[in-house]
Structure formats: structure tokens, C-alpha cells
């Protein structure tokens, strides 16, 4: 089976690959920024484990989305300051 090269792909497929890569990158940046600013008590699990998974797993956005959906705890409303 011959290997497909970038130049063999249609223009549409090339654009979809680039768009997917950009979305993946933006999700990873957002997840890492949130991990950095969020206190450890508001994270389910270890911050360094989440950071490692977000950075190393190529998941078409799955790892950052998993962090946003399952890795964060909601802050306790009683400890939040008003305003």
C-alpha cells in the first residue's frame, strides 16, 4: 500500500487537518492556563498528571476536554468573596 503524502491530499483535507491542529493547540493552551491558575484543591487528581496528559496525548481535543469536564471541581460557594 503506497504512503499518502501531504501533496496527495485534497485541498479540503489539508484545511481540515490544519483546522483540527489549531483547535487541538488552543484547547491545550486553555487547559494548561487553567491548570496553572486554579488552586490544587479545585482539581480532581494531581495537577502534574493532568498537565502531562493534556500535553502528551494527541486526542483531537479529547484530553483537554476531559480536563474541563471531569478534572475541575466547582469552587465552594461559601468561600467565594462577594462581588
N, C-alpha and C. Protein backbone atom coordinates (compact mmCIF):
# COMPACT_ATOMS: atom_id res chain seq x y z
N UNK A 1 0.84 -1.17 0.00
CA UNK A 1 0.00 0.00 0.00
C UNK A 1 0.89 1.25 0.00
N UNK A 2 0.71 2.13 -0.96
CA UNK A 2 1.56 3.33 -1.02
C UNK A 2 1.22 4.32 0.10
N UNK A 3 2.24 5.02 0.56
CA UNK A 3 2.07 6.02 1.59
C UNK A 3 1.52 7.31 0.99
N UNK A 4 0.52 7.89 1.66
CA UNK A 4 -0.03 9.16 1.18
C UNK A 4 0.84 10.30 1.70
N UNK A 5 1.10 11.23 0.85
CA UNK A 5 1.88 12.39 1.22
C UNK A 5 0.96 13.60 1.29
N UNK A 6 1.47 14.66 1.92
CA UNK A 6 0.69 15.88 2.07
C UNK A 6 0.19 16.37 0.71
N UNK A 7 1.03 16.36 -0.26
CA UNK A 7 0.66 16.86 -1.59
C UNK A 7 -0.40 15.99 -2.27
N UNK A 8 -0.56 14.76 -1.82
CA UNK A 8 -1.56 13.86 -2.39
C UNK A 8 -2.96 14.13 -1.83
N UNK A 9 -3.03 14.86 -0.72
CA UNK A 9 -4.33 15.14 -0.10
C UNK A 9 -5.05 16.25 -0.86
N UNK A 10 -6.36 16.21 -0.81
CA UNK A 10 -7.14 17.28 -1.43
C UNK A 10 -7.00 18.56 -0.59
N UNK A 11 -7.29 19.67 -1.20
CA UNK A 11 -7.22 20.96 -0.50
C UNK A 11 -8.14 20.95 0.72
N UNK A 12 -9.31 20.37 0.59
CA UNK A 12 -10.27 20.29 1.71
C UNK A 12 -9.68 19.50 2.87
N UNK A 13 -9.09 18.36 2.59
CA UNK A 13 -8.50 17.53 3.64
C UNK A 13 -7.32 18.23 4.31
N UNK A 14 -6.54 18.95 3.55
CA UNK A 14 -5.42 19.70 4.14
C UNK A 14 -5.95 20.75 5.10
N UNK A 15 -6.98 21.47 4.68
CA UNK A 15 -7.55 22.51 5.54
C UNK A 15 -8.15 21.92 6.81
N UNK A 16 -8.81 20.78 6.69
CA UNK A 16 -9.39 20.13 7.87
C UNK A 16 -8.30 19.69 8.86
N UNK A 17 -7.21 19.19 8.34
CA UNK A 17 -6.09 18.77 9.20
C UNK A 17 -5.50 19.98 9.92
N UNK A 18 -5.30 21.07 9.19
CA UNK A 18 -4.74 22.28 9.81
C UNK A 18 -5.71 22.85 10.84
N UNK A 19 -7.00 22.91 10.51
CA UNK A 19 -8.00 23.41 11.44
C UNK A 19 -8.05 22.55 12.71
N UNK A 20 -8.04 21.24 12.55
CA UNK A 20 -8.04 20.35 13.71
C UNK A 20 -6.81 20.56 14.58
N UNK A 21 -5.67 20.78 13.96
CA UNK A 21 -4.44 21.01 14.72
C UNK A 21 -4.51 22.31 15.50
N UNK A 22 -5.07 23.35 14.89
CA UNK A 22 -5.20 24.64 15.57
C UNK A 22 -6.16 24.51 16.75
N UNK A 23 -7.29 23.85 16.55
CA UNK A 23 -8.26 23.67 17.63
C UNK A 23 -7.63 22.88 18.77
N UNK A 24 -6.93 21.81 18.44
CA UNK A 24 -6.24 20.99 19.47
C UNK A 24 -5.26 21.85 20.25
N UNK A 25 -4.47 22.64 19.55
CA UNK A 25 -3.49 23.50 20.21
C UNK A 25 -4.13 24.52 21.13
N UNK A 26 -5.21 25.15 20.67
CA UNK A 26 -5.90 26.14 21.50
C UNK A 26 -6.52 25.51 22.74
N UNK A 27 -7.10 24.33 22.59
CA UNK A 27 -7.66 23.63 23.74
C UNK A 27 -6.58 23.27 24.76
N UNK A 28 -5.42 22.84 24.27
CA UNK A 28 -4.32 22.50 25.17
C UNK A 28 -3.83 23.74 25.91
N UNK A 29 -3.69 24.85 25.21
CA UNK A 29 -3.23 26.09 25.84
C UNK A 29 -4.23 26.53 26.91
N UNK A 30 -5.52 26.48 26.59
CA UNK A 30 -6.56 26.88 27.55
C UNK A 30 -6.54 25.98 28.78
N UNK A 31 -6.40 24.68 28.57
CA UNK A 31 -6.38 23.74 29.70
C UNK A 31 -5.15 23.98 30.58
N UNK A 32 -4.00 24.19 29.96
CA UNK A 32 -2.78 24.41 30.74
C UNK A 32 -2.84 25.73 31.50
N UNK A 33 -3.39 26.77 30.88
CA UNK A 33 -3.54 28.05 31.56
C UNK A 33 -4.47 27.92 32.76
N UNK A 34 -5.56 27.18 32.59
CA UNK A 34 -6.50 26.97 33.68
C UNK A 34 -5.84 26.15 34.80
N UNK A 35 -5.09 25.14 34.43
CA UNK A 35 -4.39 24.33 35.44
C UNK A 35 -3.42 25.18 36.24
N UNK A 36 -2.76 26.08 35.59
CA UNK A 36 -1.75 26.90 36.27
C UNK A 36 -2.39 27.85 37.28
N UNK A 37 -3.52 28.45 36.93
CA UNK A 37 -4.11 29.46 37.81
C UNK A 37 -5.05 28.88 38.86
N UNK A 38 -5.56 27.68 38.64
CA UNK A 38 -6.54 27.08 39.56
C UNK A 38 -5.82 26.43 40.74
N UNK A 39 -6.30 26.68 41.97
CA UNK A 39 -5.71 26.03 43.15
C UNK A 39 -5.85 24.50 43.07
N UNK A 40 -4.90 23.81 43.63
CA UNK A 40 -4.87 22.34 43.56
C UNK A 40 -6.11 21.70 44.20
N UNK A 41 -6.70 22.36 45.19
CA UNK A 41 -7.89 21.78 45.83
C UNK A 41 -9.10 21.79 44.90
N UNK A 42 -9.04 22.58 43.85
CA UNK A 42 -10.14 22.64 42.89
C UNK A 42 -9.92 21.71 41.70
N UNK A 43 -8.94 20.83 41.80
CA UNK A 43 -8.62 19.90 40.71
C UNK A 43 -8.82 18.48 41.22
N UNK A 44 -9.49 17.67 40.43
CA UNK A 44 -9.63 16.24 40.76
C UNK A 44 -8.36 15.54 40.29
N UNK A 45 -7.59 15.05 41.22
CA UNK A 45 -6.33 14.41 40.86
C UNK A 45 -5.18 15.39 40.96
N UNK A 46 -4.06 14.97 40.44
CA UNK A 46 -2.83 15.76 40.51
C UNK A 46 -2.71 16.72 39.34
N UNK A 47 -2.27 17.94 39.63
CA UNK A 47 -2.10 18.93 38.56
C UNK A 47 -1.07 18.45 37.54
N UNK A 48 0.03 17.86 38.03
CA UNK A 48 1.08 17.46 37.09
C UNK A 48 0.64 16.30 36.21
N UNK A 49 -0.23 15.43 36.72
CA UNK A 49 -0.74 14.33 35.91
C UNK A 49 -1.65 14.89 34.81
N UNK A 50 -2.54 15.80 35.18
CA UNK A 50 -3.41 16.42 34.16
C UNK A 50 -2.57 17.15 33.11
N UNK A 51 -1.57 17.90 33.55
CA UNK A 51 -0.73 18.64 32.61
C UNK A 51 -0.01 17.68 31.66
N UNK A 52 0.51 16.59 32.19
CA UNK A 52 1.19 15.61 31.36
C UNK A 52 0.25 15.00 30.33
N UNK A 53 -0.94 14.63 30.75
CA UNK A 53 -1.92 14.05 29.83
C UNK A 53 -2.32 15.05 28.75
N UNK A 54 -2.59 16.28 29.16
CA UNK A 54 -3.01 17.32 28.20
C UNK A 54 -1.91 17.56 27.16
N UNK A 55 -0.67 17.59 27.60
CA UNK A 55 0.44 17.89 26.67
C UNK A 55 0.79 16.70 25.79
N UNK A 56 0.86 15.50 26.35
CA UNK A 56 1.40 14.37 25.62
C UNK A 56 0.39 13.54 24.83
N UNK A 57 -0.87 13.61 25.18
CA UNK A 57 -1.86 12.79 24.50
C UNK A 57 -2.43 13.55 23.31
N UNK A 58 -2.20 13.01 22.12
CA UNK A 58 -2.80 13.57 20.91
C UNK A 58 -4.17 12.95 20.76
N UNK A 59 -5.20 13.75 21.03
CA UNK A 59 -6.52 13.18 21.19
C UNK A 59 -7.60 13.92 20.43
N UNK A 60 -7.23 14.76 19.51
CA UNK A 60 -8.19 15.59 18.77
C UNK A 60 -9.04 16.36 19.78
N UNK A 61 -8.42 16.89 20.79
CA UNK A 61 -9.10 17.70 21.79
C UNK A 61 -9.68 16.93 22.96
N UNK A 62 -9.61 15.61 22.94
CA UNK A 62 -10.23 14.81 23.98
C UNK A 62 -9.62 15.01 25.36
N UNK A 63 -8.30 15.08 25.46
CA UNK A 63 -7.66 15.23 26.77
C UNK A 63 -7.98 16.59 27.39
N UNK A 64 -7.85 17.70 26.65
CA UNK A 64 -8.23 18.98 27.26
C UNK A 64 -9.72 19.04 27.62
N UNK A 65 -10.57 18.49 26.77
CA UNK A 65 -12.00 18.49 27.08
C UNK A 65 -12.30 17.64 28.31
N UNK A 66 -11.61 16.51 28.45
CA UNK A 66 -11.79 15.67 29.64
C UNK A 66 -11.40 16.44 30.89
N UNK A 67 -10.31 17.21 30.81
CA UNK A 67 -9.91 18.03 31.96
C UNK A 67 -11.02 19.03 32.30
N UNK A 68 -11.53 19.75 31.29
CA UNK A 68 -12.57 20.75 31.56
C UNK A 68 -13.85 20.13 32.09
N UNK A 69 -14.19 18.94 31.63
CA UNK A 69 -15.43 18.30 32.07
C UNK A 69 -15.30 17.55 33.39
N UNK A 70 -14.18 16.86 33.59
CA UNK A 70 -14.06 15.96 34.74
C UNK A 70 -12.94 16.32 35.72
N UNK A 71 -11.98 17.11 35.30
CA UNK A 71 -10.80 17.37 36.14
C UNK A 71 -10.96 18.52 37.10
N UNK A 72 -11.94 19.38 36.87
CA UNK A 72 -12.09 20.55 37.73
C UNK A 72 -13.24 20.36 38.71
N UNK A 73 -13.02 20.83 39.90
CA UNK A 73 -14.08 20.86 40.91
C UNK A 73 -14.68 22.26 40.90
N UNK A 74 -15.94 22.34 41.20
CA UNK A 74 -16.58 23.64 41.32
C UNK A 74 -16.15 24.26 42.65
N UNK A 75 -15.81 25.55 42.64
CA UNK A 75 -15.40 26.18 43.90
C UNK A 75 -16.55 26.18 44.90
N UNK A 76 -16.19 26.06 46.17
CA UNK A 76 -17.17 26.09 47.24
C UNK A 76 -17.73 27.51 47.33
N UNK A 77 -19.03 27.65 47.16
CA UNK A 77 -19.67 28.97 47.13
C UNK A 77 -19.49 29.73 48.44
N UNK A 78 -19.35 29.03 49.56
CA UNK A 78 -19.22 29.71 50.85
C UNK A 78 -17.87 30.39 51.00
N UNK A 79 -16.86 29.97 50.25
CA UNK A 79 -15.53 30.58 50.39
C UNK A 79 -15.30 31.70 49.39
N UNK A 80 -16.22 31.87 48.45
CA UNK A 80 -16.05 32.93 47.47
C UNK A 80 -16.42 34.28 48.07
N UNK A 81 -15.64 35.28 47.75
CA UNK A 81 -15.95 36.61 48.25
C UNK A 81 -17.03 37.25 47.39
N UNK A 82 -17.89 38.06 47.97
CA UNK A 82 -18.96 38.70 47.19
C UNK A 82 -18.38 39.73 46.24
N UNK A 83 -19.06 39.89 45.12
CA UNK A 83 -18.69 40.94 44.18
C UNK A 83 -17.81 40.48 43.17
